[in-house]
Every structure is written in C-alpha cells, then in structure tokens.
Amino acid sequence: MIKPIENAKDGWKFSTVQLSAVGFAIMGVAEAANQAWVTLPPEVQALVPMTPTVGWIIFGLTMVSRFFTLTGKNKDEASS
C-alpha cells in the first residue's frame, strides 16, 4: 500500500520535486519552441542544442539528487 511520507506537506522543498519542476518547465518551453522550429533556417537549427539532451540531463540529475538530503534547522525541515 502506498502511503504519503511524514512530511509530505513540505514536499515542494525536496530536491527531486524541484528538479522535476525545472525539467517540466524546460520541456514545456522546448515543446513551444518546437512549434516554431520549422520556420528557422537550417543554419540556425544547427546552432541550437538538441532539447532531448537537456531533458535527459535534468531527469538524470533528479535521480542523483535522491542520494542527497537537504539539511535544515530541525528535523522537520530536512527532506527524506
């Protein structure tokens, strides 16, 4: 059975949540940019890094971040 963690109300402080939010925002911007991608000249397209690579990096950092904890003033402020 899946149960919420004890400090779920402070979930926005977790580094994995923050990194996932950054990844979500980047992927949203990438999708919007993809809509205009076809209008760019080939010379400009060659200068822009591939957005899937950025996504892989963000989500890779998300996995790595679970191996670290955030320390706070007391136990309630530290992530699990």
C-alpha atoms as a PDB file:
ATOM      1  CA  MET A   1       0.000   0.000   0.000  1.00  0.00           C
ATOM      2  CA  ILE A   2       1.285   3.432  -0.864  1.00  0.00           C
ATOM      3  CA  LYS A   3       1.292   5.940   1.963  1.00  0.00           C
ATOM      4  CA  PRO A   4       2.407   9.564   1.917  1.00  0.00           C
ATOM      5  CA  ILE A   5       5.667  10.320   3.659  1.00  0.00           C
ATOM      6  CA  GLU A   6       5.536  12.007   7.057  1.00  0.00           C
ATOM      7  CA  ASN A   7       6.486  15.455   5.810  1.00  0.00           C
ATOM      8  CA  ALA A   8       4.515  15.407   2.536  1.00  0.00           C
ATOM      9  CA  LYS A   9       3.247  18.943   3.127  1.00  0.00           C
ATOM     10  CA  ASP A  10       6.843  20.114   2.713  1.00  0.00           C
ATOM     11  CA  GLY A  11       7.290  18.107  -0.483  1.00  0.00           C
ATOM     12  CA  TRP A  12       7.969  21.208  -2.550  1.00  0.00           C
ATOM     13  CA  LYS A  13      11.264  21.547  -0.625  1.00  0.00           C
ATOM     14  CA  PHE A  14      12.582  18.182  -1.886  1.00  0.00           C
ATOM     15  CA  SER A  15      15.324  18.491  -4.450  1.00  0.00           C
ATOM     16  CA  THR A  16      13.695  15.827  -6.620  1.00  0.00           C
ATOM     17  CA  VAL A  17      10.473  17.811  -6.763  1.00  0.00           C
ATOM     18  CA  GLN A  18      12.349  20.999  -7.565  1.00  0.00           C
ATOM     19  CA  LEU A  19      14.458  19.355 -10.281  1.00  0.00           C
ATOM     20  CA  SER A  20      11.380  17.709 -11.775  1.00  0.00           C
ATOM     21  CA  ALA A  21       9.649  21.096 -11.849  1.00  0.00           C
ATOM     22  CA  VAL A  22      12.632  22.556 -13.680  1.00  0.00           C
ATOM     23  CA  GLY A  23      12.540  19.638 -16.113  1.00  0.00           C
ATOM     24  CA  PHE A  24       8.807  20.097 -16.596  1.00  0.00           C
ATOM     25  CA  ALA A  25       9.293  23.796 -17.338  1.00  0.00           C
ATOM     26  CA  ILE A  26      12.187  23.157 -19.715  1.00  0.00           C
ATOM     27  CA  MET A  27      10.259  20.502 -21.594  1.00  0.00           C
ATOM     28  CA  GLY A  28       7.262  22.843 -21.845  1.00  0.00           C
ATOM     29  CA  VAL A  29       9.435  25.589 -23.272  1.00  0.00           C
ATOM     30  CA  ALA A  30      11.042  23.062 -25.616  1.00  0.00           C
ATOM     31  CA  GLU A  31       7.627  21.988 -26.888  1.00  0.00           C
ATOM     32  CA  ALA A  32       6.642  25.608 -27.513  1.00  0.00           C
ATOM     33  CA  ALA A  33       9.931  26.187 -29.308  1.00  0.00           C
ATOM     34  CA  ASN A  34       9.363  23.045 -31.344  1.00  0.00           C
ATOM     35  CA  GLN A  35       6.224  24.623 -32.786  1.00  0.00           C
ATOM     36  CA  ALA A  36       8.373  27.372 -34.304  1.00  0.00           C
ATOM     37  CA  TRP A  37      11.298  25.079 -35.182  1.00  0.00           C
ATOM     38  CA  VAL A  38      10.233  24.546 -38.788  1.00  0.00           C
ATOM     39  CA  THR A  39      10.364  28.270 -39.503  1.00  0.00           C
ATOM     40  CA  LEU A  40      14.052  28.544 -38.612  1.00  0.00           C
ATOM     41  CA  PRO A  41      16.659  28.446 -41.370  1.00  0.00           C
ATOM     42  CA  PRO A  42      18.881  25.320 -41.395  1.00  0.00           C
ATOM     43  CA  GLU A  43      21.908  27.399 -40.353  1.00  0.00           C
ATOM     44  CA  VAL A  44      20.154  28.495 -37.164  1.00  0.00           C
ATOM     45  CA  GLN A  45      18.822  24.991 -36.484  1.00  0.00           C
ATOM     46  CA  ALA A  46      22.392  23.686 -36.494  1.00  0.00           C
ATOM     47  CA  LEU A  47      23.333  26.120 -33.679  1.00  0.00           C
ATOM     48  CA  VAL A  48      20.578  25.066 -31.268  1.00  0.00           C
ATOM     49  CA  PRO A  49      21.399  22.122 -28.952  1.00  0.00           C
ATOM     50  CA  MET A  50      19.034  19.190 -29.032  1.00  0.00           C
ATOM     51  CA  THR A  51      16.268  19.519 -26.417  1.00  0.00           C
ATOM     52  CA  PRO A  52      16.075  15.765 -25.630  1.00  0.00           C
ATOM     53  CA  THR A  53      19.627  16.028 -24.298  1.00  0.00           C
ATOM     54  CA  VAL A  54      18.560  18.759 -21.881  1.00  0.00           C
ATOM     55  CA  GLY A  55      15.659  16.594 -20.720  1.00  0.00           C
ATOM     56  CA  TRP A  56      17.920  13.597 -20.131  1.00  0.00           C
ATOM     57  CA  ILE A  57      20.299  15.748 -18.090  1.00  0.00           C
ATOM     58  CA  ILE A  58      17.521  17.205 -15.915  1.00  0.00           C
ATOM     59  CA  PHE A  59      15.906  13.859 -15.201  1.00  0.00           C
ATOM     60  CA  GLY A  60      19.306  12.248 -14.617  1.00  0.00           C
ATOM     61  CA  LEU A  61      20.038  14.910 -12.018  1.00  0.00           C
ATOM     62  CA  THR A  62      16.662  14.119 -10.459  1.00  0.00           C
ATOM     63  CA  MET A  63      17.716  10.514  -9.906  1.00  0.00           C
ATOM     64  CA  VAL A  64      21.089  11.528  -8.495  1.00  0.00           C
ATOM     65  CA  SER A  65      19.508  14.073  -6.151  1.00  0.00           C
ATOM     66  CA  ARG A  66      17.671  11.318  -4.251  1.00  0.00           C
ATOM     67  CA  PHE A  67      21.026  10.259  -2.828  1.00  0.00           C
ATOM     68  CA  PHE A  68      21.424  13.570  -1.004  1.00  0.00           C
ATOM     69  CA  THR A  69      19.482  15.192   1.802  1.00  0.00           C
ATOM     70  CA  LEU A  70      18.723  18.809   2.479  1.00  0.00           C
ATOM     71  CA  THR A  71      19.592  19.816   6.000  1.00  0.00           C
ATOM     72  CA  GLY A  72      17.528  22.366   7.849  1.00  0.00           C
ATOM     73  CA  LYS A  73      17.350  23.959  11.259  1.00  0.00           C
ATOM     74  CA  ASN A  74      15.460  20.969  12.656  1.00  0.00           C
ATOM     75  CA  LYS A  75      14.317  17.522  11.582  1.00  0.00           C
ATOM     76  CA  ASP A  76      11.024  18.848  10.187  1.00  0.00           C
ATOM     77  CA  GLU A  77      12.875  20.969   7.625  1.00  0.00           C
ATOM     78  CA  ALA A  78      15.124  18.201   6.282  1.00  0.00           C
ATOM     79  CA  SER A  79      13.956  16.166   3.314  1.00  0.00           C
ATOM     80  CA  SER A  80      13.650  12.413   3.477  1.00  0.00           C
END
